[in-house]
Amino acid sequence: MRVTVEEGLPAAVGQVDVFQVREEWRVVDRWWTEAPVRRRYFDLVLTTGENVAVFEDEEGGGWFRQKA
């Protein structure tokens, strides 16, 4: 799944544009281990009306869609 980013914020998920960024938050965990977790999450509304959550893996790189 491809996330297009403009000015540091998600602008599209796949081929669908982002209508609204509802919320943004960060998760930092396991910083004391050899495999720390640093993620930047976004709760989005797409132009189709679908709500999705995506995150940027700040340790390993890349963007992912959060699955419930």
Protein backbone atom coordinates (compact mmCIF):
# COMPACT_ATOMS: atom_id res chain seq x y z
CA MET A 1 0.00 0.00 0.00
CA ARG A 2 1.43 3.33 -1.02
CA VAL A 3 1.00 6.49 1.04
CA THR A 4 1.75 9.74 -0.78
CA VAL A 5 3.15 12.39 1.55
CA GLU A 6 3.09 16.15 1.03
CA GLU A 7 4.71 18.51 3.54
CA GLY A 8 5.08 15.67 6.04
CA LEU A 9 1.40 14.65 6.02
CA PRO A 10 -0.39 11.84 4.16
CA ALA A 11 -2.01 13.21 0.98
CA ALA A 12 -3.24 9.93 -0.54
CA VAL A 13 -3.59 6.27 0.40
CA GLY A 14 -3.25 4.09 -2.66
CA GLN A 15 -5.02 6.01 -5.42
CA VAL A 16 -7.48 7.78 -3.07
CA ASP A 17 -6.84 11.32 -1.83
CA VAL A 18 -7.01 12.26 1.83
CA PHE A 19 -9.95 14.53 2.61
CA GLN A 20 -9.10 15.17 6.26
CA VAL A 21 -6.45 14.32 8.85
CA ARG A 22 -8.56 13.75 11.94
CA GLU A 23 -5.78 12.99 14.42
CA GLU A 24 -2.03 12.44 14.67
CA TRP A 25 -0.09 10.75 17.46
CA ARG A 26 3.26 9.10 18.12
CA VAL A 27 4.12 5.81 19.77
CA VAL A 28 7.57 5.28 21.26
CA ASP A 29 8.07 1.91 22.93
CA ARG A 30 10.79 -0.62 23.69
CA TRP A 31 13.39 2.16 23.52
CA TRP A 32 15.52 0.19 25.96
CA THR A 33 15.81 -2.83 23.60
CA GLU A 34 17.68 -3.53 20.39
CA ALA A 35 14.37 -3.29 18.49
CA PRO A 36 12.75 0.00 19.55
CA VAL A 37 9.38 1.07 18.13
CA ARG A 38 8.89 4.64 16.92
CA ARG A 39 5.75 5.23 14.88
CA ARG A 40 3.82 8.28 13.75
CA TYR A 41 0.11 7.47 13.33
CA PHE A 42 -2.60 9.31 11.41
CA ASP A 43 -6.37 8.83 11.55
CA LEU A 44 -7.61 9.84 8.08
CA VAL A 45 -10.83 10.38 6.17
CA LEU A 46 -10.43 9.65 2.46
CA THR A 47 -12.39 11.36 -0.33
CA THR A 48 -14.46 8.15 -0.60
CA GLY A 49 -15.63 8.67 3.00
CA GLU A 50 -13.61 5.72 4.27
CA ASN A 51 -11.81 6.10 7.61
CA VAL A 52 -8.31 4.63 7.71
CA ALA A 53 -5.34 4.70 10.05
CA VAL A 54 -1.82 4.70 8.66
CA PHE A 55 1.56 4.94 10.33
CA GLU A 56 5.10 5.80 9.41
CA ASP A 57 7.73 3.48 10.85
CA GLU A 58 10.36 5.99 11.97
CA GLU A 59 12.85 3.25 12.91
CA GLY A 60 12.69 0.94 9.90
CA GLY A 61 11.19 3.33 7.36
CA GLY A 62 8.08 2.98 5.26
CA TRP A 63 4.37 3.58 5.59
CA PHE A 64 1.76 1.00 6.60
CA ARG A 65 -2.00 0.79 6.96
CA GLN A 66 -3.14 -0.12 10.46
CA LYS A 67 -5.43 -3.13 10.41
CA ALA A 68 -7.98 -3.71 13.15
